[in-house]
Amino acid sequence: MGPGRDARTPGKSADGEPAAGPPEGASGPELARAVLDAAKARRQTAAPRRRAAVRGDGERRLRGYSGAGPDPRDPQPLGAVLDKLVKARGWQQPAAEATVFGAWEKVVGPEVAQHSRPVKLENGELTVEARSTAWATQLRLLAGSLLKQIAREVGHNVVRKLHIHGPAAPSWSRGPRRVRGRGPRDTYG
């Protein structure tokens, strides 16, 4: 049996094509030339195989130089890269919650921000501390418009309810749980 022929089907190559093998009785340089020609013919008929360069996020990576015009391989602004990362990791909700604290003046306006500060955000309920009891009352009256303004700046369902209180007196207790007792006393007697 000659090279390039399948043992199961006489006269056929391994891929089912008619065998273009060397002529019977060929030897030496003629045999080598015939095998080389057959390999070249198989390579030309086969589709070119290229390995797809794929990045970690599943997108195809382009090769070579980018040339003129915008290209995804060009340097990107940091903000655009961070936005893409936040969306890819699913960090939209924590980023919006952080915006409430980090950009409080932009979210509620300079006048309100001057007299109040956000304290805590849990389960969509924002606790705001006002500088005085008068401002706490004013902010309670403006709670509806403040919620709309916060939703417009950071997104809907980030803050669903506001808890507004006035300035707190200094507290000796620490943490959310405490034991009732006499409290701090003068021990220098």
N, C-alpha and C. Protein backbone atom coordinates (compact mmCIF):
# COMPACT_ATOMS: atom_id res chain seq x y z
N MET A 1 0.85 -1.16 0.00
CA MET A 1 0.00 0.00 0.00
C MET A 1 0.90 1.23 0.00
N GLY A 2 0.60 2.23 -0.82
CA GLY A 2 1.45 3.41 -0.98
C GLY A 2 1.15 4.45 0.07
N PRO A 3 2.00 5.47 0.18
CA PRO A 3 1.76 6.53 1.16
C PRO A 3 0.54 7.34 0.76
N GLY A 4 -0.19 7.86 1.79
CA GLY A 4 -1.35 8.70 1.55
C GLY A 4 -2.60 7.89 1.27
N ARG A 5 -2.55 6.57 1.40
CA ARG A 5 -3.73 5.76 1.13
C ARG A 5 -4.26 5.19 2.43
N ASP A 6 -5.56 5.02 2.50
CA ASP A 6 -6.22 4.48 3.67
C ASP A 6 -6.31 2.98 3.55
N ALA A 7 -6.10 2.29 4.64
CA ALA A 7 -6.12 0.83 4.60
C ALA A 7 -7.53 0.31 4.40
N ARG A 8 -8.55 1.09 4.80
CA ARG A 8 -9.93 0.61 4.69
C ARG A 8 -10.47 0.77 3.28
N THR A 9 -10.10 1.82 2.58
CA THR A 9 -10.63 2.08 1.25
C THR A 9 -9.48 2.18 0.28
N PRO A 10 -9.30 1.19 -0.55
CA PRO A 10 -8.19 1.27 -1.50
C PRO A 10 -8.43 2.39 -2.51
N GLY A 11 -7.37 3.13 -2.83
CA GLY A 11 -7.45 4.19 -3.82
C GLY A 11 -7.94 5.51 -3.25
N LYS A 12 -8.21 5.59 -1.93
CA LYS A 12 -8.67 6.83 -1.31
C LYS A 12 -7.67 7.24 -0.24
N SER A 13 -7.55 8.55 -0.01
CA SER A 13 -6.67 9.04 1.06
C SER A 13 -7.46 9.06 2.36
N ALA A 14 -6.82 9.47 3.44
CA ALA A 14 -7.45 9.45 4.75
C ALA A 14 -8.63 10.41 4.83
N ASP A 15 -8.64 11.51 4.06
CA ASP A 15 -9.75 12.47 4.12
C ASP A 15 -10.84 12.16 3.11
N GLY A 16 -10.80 11.03 2.41
CA GLY A 16 -11.86 10.64 1.49
C GLY A 16 -11.65 11.09 0.07
N GLU A 17 -10.61 11.87 -0.19
CA GLU A 17 -10.32 12.36 -1.54
C GLU A 17 -9.59 11.26 -2.32
N PRO A 18 -9.68 11.28 -3.64
CA PRO A 18 -8.90 10.33 -4.41
C PRO A 18 -7.42 10.57 -4.18
N ALA A 19 -6.67 9.52 -3.99
CA ALA A 19 -5.26 9.63 -3.66
C ALA A 19 -4.47 10.08 -4.88
N ALA A 20 -3.65 11.13 -4.68
CA ALA A 20 -2.77 11.60 -5.73
C ALA A 20 -1.36 11.20 -5.34
N GLY A 21 -1.16 9.95 -5.14
CA GLY A 21 0.11 9.43 -4.66
C GLY A 21 1.11 9.25 -5.79
N PRO A 22 2.25 8.74 -5.46
CA PRO A 22 3.30 8.55 -6.46
C PRO A 22 2.93 7.43 -7.43
N PRO A 23 3.42 7.50 -8.63
CA PRO A 23 3.15 6.43 -9.59
C PRO A 23 3.80 5.13 -9.13
N GLU A 24 3.23 4.03 -9.58
CA GLU A 24 3.77 2.70 -9.20
C GLU A 24 5.20 2.56 -9.72
N GLY A 25 6.04 2.05 -8.87
CA GLY A 25 7.42 1.80 -9.27
C GLY A 25 8.33 3.00 -9.15
N ALA A 26 7.83 4.15 -8.60
CA ALA A 26 8.67 5.33 -8.44
C ALA A 26 9.59 5.13 -7.26
N SER A 27 10.78 5.65 -7.37
CA SER A 27 11.72 5.52 -6.26
C SER A 27 12.64 6.73 -6.26
N GLY A 28 13.29 6.95 -5.13
CA GLY A 28 14.28 8.01 -5.03
C GLY A 28 13.69 9.39 -5.19
N PRO A 29 14.33 10.23 -6.05
CA PRO A 29 13.88 11.61 -6.21
C PRO A 29 12.46 11.71 -6.76
N GLU A 30 12.06 10.79 -7.63
CA GLU A 30 10.70 10.85 -8.17
C GLU A 30 9.67 10.62 -7.08
N LEU A 31 9.93 9.70 -6.18
CA LEU A 31 9.02 9.41 -5.08
C LEU A 31 8.93 10.62 -4.14
N ALA A 32 10.06 11.24 -3.82
CA ALA A 32 10.08 12.41 -2.95
C ALA A 32 9.31 13.57 -3.58
N ARG A 33 9.52 13.78 -4.90
CA ARG A 33 8.82 14.86 -5.59
C ARG A 33 7.31 14.62 -5.59
N ALA A 34 6.86 13.39 -5.81
CA ALA A 34 5.44 13.07 -5.83
C ALA A 34 4.80 13.27 -4.46
N VAL A 35 5.48 12.87 -3.39
CA VAL A 35 4.95 13.04 -2.04
C VAL A 35 4.86 14.53 -1.70
N LEU A 36 5.87 15.32 -2.07
CA LEU A 36 5.87 16.76 -1.82
C LEU A 36 4.73 17.44 -2.57
N ASP A 37 4.52 17.09 -3.84
CA ASP A 37 3.42 17.68 -4.61
C ASP A 37 2.07 17.33 -4.00
N ALA A 38 1.91 16.09 -3.52
CA ALA A 38 0.64 15.70 -2.90
C ALA A 38 0.41 16.49 -1.61
N ALA A 39 1.44 16.72 -0.81
CA ALA A 39 1.30 17.49 0.43
C ALA A 39 0.95 18.93 0.13
N LYS A 40 1.57 19.53 -0.90
CA LYS A 40 1.24 20.91 -1.28
C LYS A 40 -0.20 21.01 -1.74
N ALA A 41 -0.67 20.04 -2.50
CA ALA A 41 -2.05 20.07 -2.99
C ALA A 41 -3.04 19.97 -1.82
N ARG A 42 -2.76 19.12 -0.85
CA ARG A 42 -3.64 19.00 0.32
C ARG A 42 -3.66 20.29 1.12
N ARG A 43 -2.51 20.93 1.24
CA ARG A 43 -2.44 22.17 2.01
C ARG A 43 -3.21 23.30 1.34
N GLN A 44 -3.16 23.39 0.01
CA GLN A 44 -3.86 24.44 -0.71
C GLN A 44 -5.36 24.24 -0.67
N THR A 45 -5.83 23.00 -0.68
CA THR A 45 -7.28 22.77 -0.65
C THR A 45 -7.85 22.93 0.75
N ALA A 46 -7.05 22.72 1.79
CA ALA A 46 -7.54 22.87 3.16
C ALA A 46 -7.69 24.35 3.48
N ALA A 47 -8.71 24.69 4.27
CA ALA A 47 -8.93 26.09 4.69
C ALA A 47 -7.81 26.49 5.64
N PRO A 48 -7.36 27.72 5.52
CA PRO A 48 -6.29 28.16 6.43
C PRO A 48 -6.81 28.20 7.87
N ARG A 49 -6.04 27.63 8.78
CA ARG A 49 -6.43 27.62 10.18
C ARG A 49 -5.66 28.70 10.91
N ARG A 50 -6.41 29.58 11.53
CA ARG A 50 -5.79 30.61 12.35
C ARG A 50 -6.34 30.50 13.75
N ARG A 51 -5.46 30.59 14.68
CA ARG A 51 -5.93 30.60 16.05
C ARG A 51 -6.49 31.97 16.37
N ALA A 52 -7.69 31.99 16.91
CA ALA A 52 -8.31 33.27 17.25
C ALA A 52 -7.69 33.78 18.54
N ALA A 53 -7.22 34.98 18.49
CA ALA A 53 -6.67 35.59 19.69
C ALA A 53 -7.85 36.12 20.50
N VAL A 54 -8.09 35.54 21.65
CA VAL A 54 -9.23 35.92 22.47
C VAL A 54 -8.72 36.40 23.81
N ARG A 55 -9.25 37.55 24.24
CA ARG A 55 -8.87 38.08 25.55
C ARG A 55 -9.66 37.34 26.62
N GLY A 56 -9.37 37.68 27.85
CA GLY A 56 -10.03 37.05 28.98
C GLY A 56 -11.52 37.35 29.05
N ASP A 57 -11.99 38.48 28.51
CA ASP A 57 -13.40 38.82 28.59
C ASP A 57 -14.18 38.30 27.39
N GLY A 58 -13.58 37.46 26.54
CA GLY A 58 -14.30 36.81 25.45
C GLY A 58 -14.29 37.56 24.13
N GLU A 59 -13.74 38.77 24.11
CA GLU A 59 -13.70 39.53 22.87
C GLU A 59 -12.47 39.14 22.05
N ARG A 60 -12.60 39.24 20.73
CA ARG A 60 -11.46 38.94 19.86
C ARG A 60 -10.47 40.08 19.93
N ARG A 61 -9.21 39.74 19.97
CA ARG A 61 -8.16 40.74 20.02
C ARG A 61 -7.63 40.94 18.61
N LEU A 62 -7.54 42.18 18.20
CA LEU A 62 -7.02 42.50 16.89
C LEU A 62 -5.50 42.48 16.93
N ARG A 63 -4.90 42.08 15.82
CA ARG A 63 -3.43 42.02 15.76
C ARG A 63 -2.92 43.10 14.82
N GLY A 64 -1.65 43.43 14.96
CA GLY A 64 -1.01 44.39 14.08
C GLY A 64 -1.15 45.81 14.60
N TYR A 65 -0.86 46.76 13.73
CA TYR A 65 -0.93 48.16 14.10
C TYR A 65 -2.32 48.68 13.87
N SER A 66 -2.71 49.71 14.63
CA SER A 66 -4.08 50.19 14.56
C SER A 66 -4.31 51.12 13.36
N GLY A 67 -3.36 51.89 12.96
CA GLY A 67 -3.54 52.78 11.82
C GLY A 67 -4.32 54.02 12.20
N ALA A 68 -4.79 54.74 11.18
CA ALA A 68 -5.49 55.99 11.40
C ALA A 68 -6.91 55.72 11.88
N GLY A 69 -7.46 56.64 12.65
CA GLY A 69 -8.83 56.51 13.12
C GLY A 69 -8.91 55.81 14.46
N PRO A 70 -10.09 55.89 15.08
CA PRO A 70 -10.25 55.25 16.40
C PRO A 70 -10.19 53.73 16.28
N ASP A 71 -9.63 53.11 17.30
CA ASP A 71 -9.47 51.67 17.31
C ASP A 71 -9.54 51.21 18.77
N PRO A 72 -10.11 50.04 19.04
CA PRO A 72 -10.17 49.60 20.44
C PRO A 72 -8.81 49.36 21.07
N ARG A 73 -7.76 49.25 20.26
CA ARG A 73 -6.41 49.05 20.80
C ARG A 73 -5.74 50.35 21.20
N ASP A 74 -6.33 51.48 20.84
CA ASP A 74 -5.74 52.77 21.20
C ASP A 74 -5.84 52.97 22.71
N PRO A 75 -4.99 53.81 23.28
CA PRO A 75 -5.10 54.13 24.71
C PRO A 75 -6.47 54.73 25.01
N GLN A 76 -7.07 54.28 26.09
CA GLN A 76 -8.42 54.72 26.45
C GLN A 76 -8.36 55.63 27.67
N PRO A 77 -9.31 56.56 27.78
CA PRO A 77 -9.37 57.38 29.00
C PRO A 77 -9.64 56.50 30.22
N LEU A 78 -9.10 56.89 31.34
CA LEU A 78 -9.23 56.10 32.55
C LEU A 78 -10.70 55.93 32.96
N GLY A 79 -11.49 56.97 32.79
CA GLY A 79 -12.91 56.89 33.14
C GLY A 79 -13.64 55.84 32.33
N ALA A 80 -13.34 55.75 31.04
CA ALA A 80 -13.98 54.75 30.20
C ALA A 80 -13.57 53.34 30.59
N VAL A 81 -12.31 53.17 30.94
CA VAL A 81 -11.82 51.85 31.36
C VAL A 81 -12.48 51.46 32.68
N LEU A 82 -12.60 52.41 33.62
CA LEU A 82 -13.24 52.12 34.90
C LEU A 82 -14.72 51.80 34.73
N ASP A 83 -15.42 52.54 33.86
CA ASP A 83 -16.83 52.25 33.59
C ASP A 83 -17.00 50.84 33.04
N LYS A 84 -16.13 50.45 32.13
CA LYS A 84 -16.20 49.10 31.56
C LYS A 84 -15.94 48.04 32.63
N LEU A 85 -14.98 48.31 33.52
CA LEU A 85 -14.67 47.38 34.60
C LEU A 85 -15.83 47.26 35.58
N VAL A 86 -16.44 48.39 35.93
CA VAL A 86 -17.58 48.38 36.87
C VAL A 86 -18.73 47.57 36.28
N LYS A 87 -19.02 47.76 34.99
CA LYS A 87 -20.10 46.99 34.36
C LYS A 87 -19.76 45.51 34.26
N ALA A 88 -18.51 45.20 33.93
CA ALA A 88 -18.12 43.80 33.78
C ALA A 88 -18.18 43.05 35.11
N ARG A 89 -17.84 43.71 36.20
CA ARG A 89 -17.82 43.06 37.51
C ARG A 89 -19.15 43.15 38.24
N GLY A 90 -20.11 43.95 37.72
CA GLY A 90 -21.40 44.09 38.40
C GLY A 90 -21.34 44.98 39.62
N TRP A 91 -20.51 46.00 39.57
CA TRP A 91 -20.33 46.89 40.72
C TRP A 91 -21.15 48.16 40.60
N GLN A 92 -22.21 48.20 39.79
CA GLN A 92 -22.97 49.43 39.60
C GLN A 92 -23.63 49.89 40.91
N GLN A 93 -24.26 48.97 41.65
CA GLN A 93 -24.95 49.34 42.88
C GLN A 93 -23.97 49.86 43.94
N PRO A 94 -22.88 49.17 44.26
CA PRO A 94 -21.94 49.72 45.25
C PRO A 94 -21.32 51.05 44.80
N ALA A 95 -21.07 51.21 43.51
CA ALA A 95 -20.51 52.47 43.02
C ALA A 95 -21.51 53.61 43.18
N ALA A 96 -22.79 53.33 42.93
CA ALA A 96 -23.82 54.36 43.11
C ALA A 96 -23.96 54.73 44.58
N GLU A 97 -23.89 53.74 45.46
CA GLU A 97 -23.98 54.03 46.89
C GLU A 97 -22.78 54.87 47.34
N ALA A 98 -21.61 54.58 46.82
CA ALA A 98 -20.43 55.36 47.18
C ALA A 98 -20.53 56.79 46.66
N THR A 99 -21.21 56.99 45.55
CA THR A 99 -21.37 58.33 45.00
C THR A 99 -22.20 59.20 45.94
N VAL A 100 -23.18 58.60 46.62
CA VAL A 100 -23.99 59.36 47.57
C VAL A 100 -23.09 59.99 48.63
N PHE A 101 -22.13 59.24 49.13
CA PHE A 101 -21.24 59.77 50.17
C PHE A 101 -20.12 60.63 49.59
N GLY A 102 -19.54 60.21 48.47
CA GLY A 102 -18.38 60.90 47.91
C GLY A 102 -18.72 62.22 47.24
N ALA A 103 -19.90 62.31 46.66
CA ALA A 103 -20.29 63.53 45.93
C ALA A 103 -21.58 64.10 46.52
N TRP A 104 -21.67 64.17 47.83
CA TRP A 104 -22.89 64.61 48.50
C TRP A 104 -23.30 66.01 48.05
N GLU A 105 -22.34 66.90 47.90
CA GLU A 105 -22.66 68.28 47.48
C GLU A 105 -23.24 68.29 46.07
N LYS A 106 -22.71 67.48 45.19
CA LYS A 106 -23.23 67.42 43.82
C LYS A 106 -24.61 66.76 43.79
N VAL A 107 -24.82 65.79 44.66
CA VAL A 107 -26.08 65.03 44.66
C VAL A 107 -27.23 65.88 45.18
N VAL A 108 -27.05 66.60 46.29
CA VAL A 108 -28.18 67.33 46.89
C VAL A 108 -28.09 68.84 46.72
N GLY A 109 -26.97 69.34 46.24
CA GLY A 109 -26.82 70.78 46.07
C GLY A 109 -25.96 71.37 47.17
N PRO A 110 -25.33 72.51 46.89
CA PRO A 110 -24.37 73.07 47.85
C PRO A 110 -25.00 73.56 49.15
N GLU A 111 -26.20 74.14 49.08
CA GLU A 111 -26.81 74.69 50.30
C GLU A 111 -27.21 73.58 51.27
N VAL A 112 -27.85 72.54 50.77
CA VAL A 112 -28.27 71.43 51.62
C VAL A 112 -27.02 70.69 52.14
N ALA A 113 -26.02 70.52 51.28
CA ALA A 113 -24.81 69.80 51.69
C ALA A 113 -24.04 70.57 52.77
N GLN A 114 -24.16 71.89 52.78
CA GLN A 114 -23.47 72.70 53.77
C GLN A 114 -24.04 72.47 55.17
N HIS A 115 -25.33 72.11 55.24
CA HIS A 115 -25.99 71.96 56.53
C HIS A 115 -26.36 70.52 56.88
N SER A 116 -25.88 69.56 56.10
CA SER A 116 -26.20 68.16 56.39
C SER A 116 -25.08 67.26 55.89
N ARG A 117 -25.11 66.01 56.35
CA ARG A 117 -24.13 65.03 55.86
C ARG A 117 -24.76 63.65 55.92
N PRO A 118 -24.43 62.79 54.96
CA PRO A 118 -24.95 61.42 55.02
C PRO A 118 -24.17 60.63 56.07
N VAL A 119 -24.88 59.80 56.81
CA VAL A 119 -24.25 59.04 57.88
C VAL A 119 -24.16 57.57 57.52
N LYS A 120 -25.27 56.99 57.07
CA LYS A 120 -25.32 55.55 56.86
C LYS A 120 -26.32 55.25 55.74
N LEU A 121 -26.00 54.23 54.93
CA LEU A 121 -26.91 53.75 53.88
C LEU A 121 -27.00 52.24 53.99
N GLU A 122 -28.17 51.76 54.41
CA GLU A 122 -28.39 50.32 54.55
C GLU A 122 -29.74 49.97 53.93
N ASN A 123 -29.73 48.97 53.07
CA ASN A 123 -30.96 48.46 52.45
C ASN A 123 -31.80 49.55 51.81
N GLY A 124 -31.16 50.51 51.20
CA GLY A 124 -31.86 51.58 50.50
C GLY A 124 -32.38 52.67 51.41
N GLU A 125 -32.04 52.66 52.68
CA GLU A 125 -32.48 53.69 53.62
C GLU A 125 -31.26 54.53 54.02
N LEU A 126 -31.32 55.81 53.69
CA LEU A 126 -30.22 56.73 53.94
C LEU A 126 -30.49 57.52 55.21
N THR A 127 -29.53 57.51 56.12
CA THR A 127 -29.62 58.30 57.34
C THR A 127 -28.80 59.57 57.13
N VAL A 128 -29.46 60.72 57.34
CA VAL A 128 -28.83 62.03 57.13
C VAL A 128 -28.84 62.77 58.46
N GLU A 129 -27.71 63.35 58.82
CA GLU A 129 -27.63 64.14 60.03
C GLU A 129 -27.57 65.62 59.65
N ALA A 130 -28.50 66.41 60.20
CA ALA A 130 -28.54 67.85 59.92
C ALA A 130 -27.69 68.58 60.96
N ARG A 131 -27.26 69.78 60.60
CA ARG A 131 -26.39 70.57 61.48
C ARG A 131 -27.18 71.14 62.66
N SER A 132 -28.46 71.40 62.48
CA SER A 132 -29.30 71.93 63.56
C SER A 132 -30.68 71.30 63.47
N THR A 133 -31.47 71.47 64.54
CA THR A 133 -32.82 70.91 64.52
C THR A 133 -33.70 71.63 63.50
N ALA A 134 -33.43 72.92 63.29
CA ALA A 134 -34.20 73.66 62.29
C ALA A 134 -33.94 73.10 60.88
N TRP A 135 -32.68 72.78 60.59
CA TRP A 135 -32.37 72.19 59.28
C TRP A 135 -32.91 70.77 59.18
N ALA A 136 -32.96 70.04 60.27
CA ALA A 136 -33.55 68.70 60.24
C ALA A 136 -35.03 68.79 59.86
N THR A 137 -35.73 69.76 60.44
CA THR A 137 -37.15 69.96 60.10
C THR A 137 -37.29 70.35 58.64
N GLN A 138 -36.45 71.25 58.18
CA GLN A 138 -36.49 71.69 56.78
C GLN A 138 -36.23 70.51 55.83
N LEU A 139 -35.25 69.67 56.15
CA LEU A 139 -34.93 68.53 55.29
C LEU A 139 -36.05 67.49 55.29
N ARG A 140 -36.74 67.35 56.43
CA ARG A 140 -37.88 66.43 56.45
C ARG A 140 -38.98 66.92 55.51
N LEU A 141 -39.17 68.23 55.44
CA LEU A 141 -40.16 68.79 54.52
C LEU A 141 -39.72 68.63 53.06
N LEU A 142 -38.42 68.62 52.81
CA LEU A 142 -37.89 68.48 51.45
C LEU A 142 -37.56 67.03 51.09
N ALA A 143 -37.94 66.07 51.90
CA ALA A 143 -37.54 64.68 51.71
C ALA A 143 -37.95 64.14 50.34
N GLY A 144 -39.15 64.44 49.89
CA GLY A 144 -39.62 63.95 48.58
C GLY A 144 -38.77 64.47 47.43
N SER A 145 -38.50 65.78 47.45
CA SER A 145 -37.68 66.34 46.37
C SER A 145 -36.23 65.88 46.47
N LEU A 146 -35.73 65.67 47.70
CA LEU A 146 -34.37 65.15 47.86
C LEU A 146 -34.25 63.74 47.29
N LEU A 147 -35.26 62.89 47.53
CA LEU A 147 -35.24 61.54 46.98
C LEU A 147 -35.21 61.56 45.45
N LYS A 148 -36.02 62.45 44.87
CA LYS A 148 -36.02 62.57 43.40
C LYS A 148 -34.67 63.04 42.88
N GLN A 149 -34.09 64.00 43.58
CA GLN A 149 -32.80 64.54 43.16
C GLN A 149 -31.69 63.49 43.29
N ILE A 150 -31.72 62.71 44.37
CA ILE A 150 -30.73 61.64 44.55
C ILE A 150 -30.90 60.59 43.47
N ALA A 151 -32.15 60.22 43.16
CA ALA A 151 -32.41 59.22 42.11
C ALA A 151 -31.93 59.72 40.76
N ARG A 152 -32.08 61.01 40.49
CA ARG A 152 -31.64 61.57 39.22
C ARG A 152 -30.12 61.54 39.09
N GLU A 153 -29.41 61.76 40.20
CA GLU A 153 -27.95 61.83 40.18
C GLU A 153 -27.27 60.46 40.21
N VAL A 154 -27.76 59.55 41.05
CA VAL A 154 -27.05 58.28 41.24
C VAL A 154 -27.81 57.07 40.73
N GLY A 155 -29.07 57.21 40.37
CA GLY A 155 -29.84 56.09 39.85
C GLY A 155 -31.01 55.74 40.76
N HIS A 156 -32.00 55.09 40.16
CA HIS A 156 -33.20 54.73 40.91
C HIS A 156 -32.92 53.52 41.79
N ASN A 157 -33.67 53.42 42.88
CA ASN A 157 -33.61 52.32 43.86
C ASN A 157 -32.27 52.22 44.58
N VAL A 158 -31.46 53.25 44.53
CA VAL A 158 -30.26 53.27 45.37
C VAL A 158 -30.66 53.75 46.76
N VAL A 159 -31.41 54.85 46.81
CA VAL A 159 -31.96 55.37 48.07
C VAL A 159 -33.48 55.39 47.91
N ARG A 160 -34.17 54.62 48.76
CA ARG A 160 -35.63 54.56 48.68
C ARG A 160 -36.32 55.30 49.82
N LYS A 161 -35.58 55.52 50.93
CA LYS A 161 -36.18 56.16 52.09
C LYS A 161 -35.12 56.99 52.80
N LEU A 162 -35.55 58.13 53.37
CA LEU A 162 -34.64 59.01 54.11
C LEU A 162 -35.00 59.00 55.59
N HIS A 163 -33.99 58.91 56.45
CA HIS A 163 -34.14 59.11 57.89
C HIS A 163 -33.31 60.33 58.22
N ILE A 164 -33.99 61.40 58.65
CA ILE A 164 -33.30 62.66 58.92
C ILE A 164 -33.40 62.95 60.41
N HIS A 165 -32.27 63.24 61.04
CA HIS A 165 -32.28 63.62 62.45
C HIS A 165 -31.34 64.79 62.65
N GLY A 166 -31.55 65.45 63.77
CA GLY A 166 -30.75 66.62 64.09
C GLY A 166 -29.41 66.21 64.66
N PRO A 167 -28.68 67.20 65.14
CA PRO A 167 -27.36 66.90 65.69
C PRO A 167 -27.50 66.06 66.95
N ALA A 168 -26.61 65.13 67.11
CA ALA A 168 -26.66 64.23 68.26
C ALA A 168 -25.79 64.78 69.37
N ALA A 169 -26.27 64.62 70.61
CA ALA A 169 -25.45 64.97 71.76
C ALA A 169 -24.35 63.93 71.87
N PRO A 170 -23.23 64.28 72.45
CA PRO A 170 -22.17 63.29 72.57
C PRO A 170 -22.65 62.08 73.36
N SER A 171 -22.33 60.93 72.86
CA SER A 171 -22.76 59.70 73.49
C SER A 171 -21.55 58.93 73.98
N TRP A 172 -21.70 58.36 75.18
CA TRP A 172 -20.60 57.57 75.73
C TRP A 172 -20.71 56.12 75.29
N SER A 173 -21.83 55.74 74.75
CA SER A 173 -21.99 54.35 74.32
C SER A 173 -21.37 54.17 72.94
N ARG A 174 -20.85 53.00 72.72
CA ARG A 174 -20.22 52.70 71.44
C ARG A 174 -20.92 51.49 70.84
N GLY A 175 -21.22 51.56 69.58
CA GLY A 175 -21.80 50.42 68.89
C GLY A 175 -23.32 50.40 68.98
N PRO A 176 -23.95 49.51 68.20
CA PRO A 176 -25.41 49.48 68.16
C PRO A 176 -26.04 48.82 69.40
N ARG A 177 -25.30 48.02 70.19
CA ARG A 177 -25.84 47.34 71.37
C ARG A 177 -25.13 47.87 72.61
N ARG A 178 -25.91 48.03 73.68
CA ARG A 178 -25.30 48.53 74.91
C ARG A 178 -26.10 48.03 76.11
N VAL A 179 -25.48 48.08 77.24
CA VAL A 179 -26.11 47.69 78.50
C VAL A 179 -26.44 48.96 79.26
N ARG A 180 -27.68 49.02 79.75
CA ARG A 180 -28.07 50.20 80.53
C ARG A 180 -27.33 50.19 81.85
N GLY A 181 -26.90 51.35 82.26
CA GLY A 181 -26.18 51.44 83.52
C GLY A 181 -26.10 52.87 83.95
N ARG A 182 -25.25 53.13 84.91
CA ARG A 182 -25.14 54.48 85.47
C ARG A 182 -24.41 55.41 84.52
N GLY A 183 -23.60 54.89 83.58
CA GLY A 183 -22.88 55.74 82.66
C GLY A 183 -21.61 56.27 83.27
N PRO A 184 -20.98 57.23 82.61
CA PRO A 184 -19.70 57.76 83.14
C PRO A 184 -19.94 58.62 84.37
N ARG A 185 -19.12 58.42 85.36
CA ARG A 185 -19.20 59.18 86.59
C ARG A 185 -17.83 59.72 86.94
N ASP A 186 -17.83 60.71 87.77
CA ASP A 186 -16.57 61.24 88.25
C ASP A 186 -16.03 60.29 89.31
N THR A 187 -14.89 59.70 89.05
CA THR A 187 -14.35 58.71 89.97
C THR A 187 -13.18 59.25 90.79
N TYR A 188 -12.99 60.56 90.70
CA TYR A 188 -11.81 61.12 91.39
C TYR A 188 -12.18 61.65 92.78
N GLY A 189 -13.22 61.25 93.35
CA GLY A 189 -13.73 61.56 94.54
C GLY A 189 -13.61 62.27 95.66
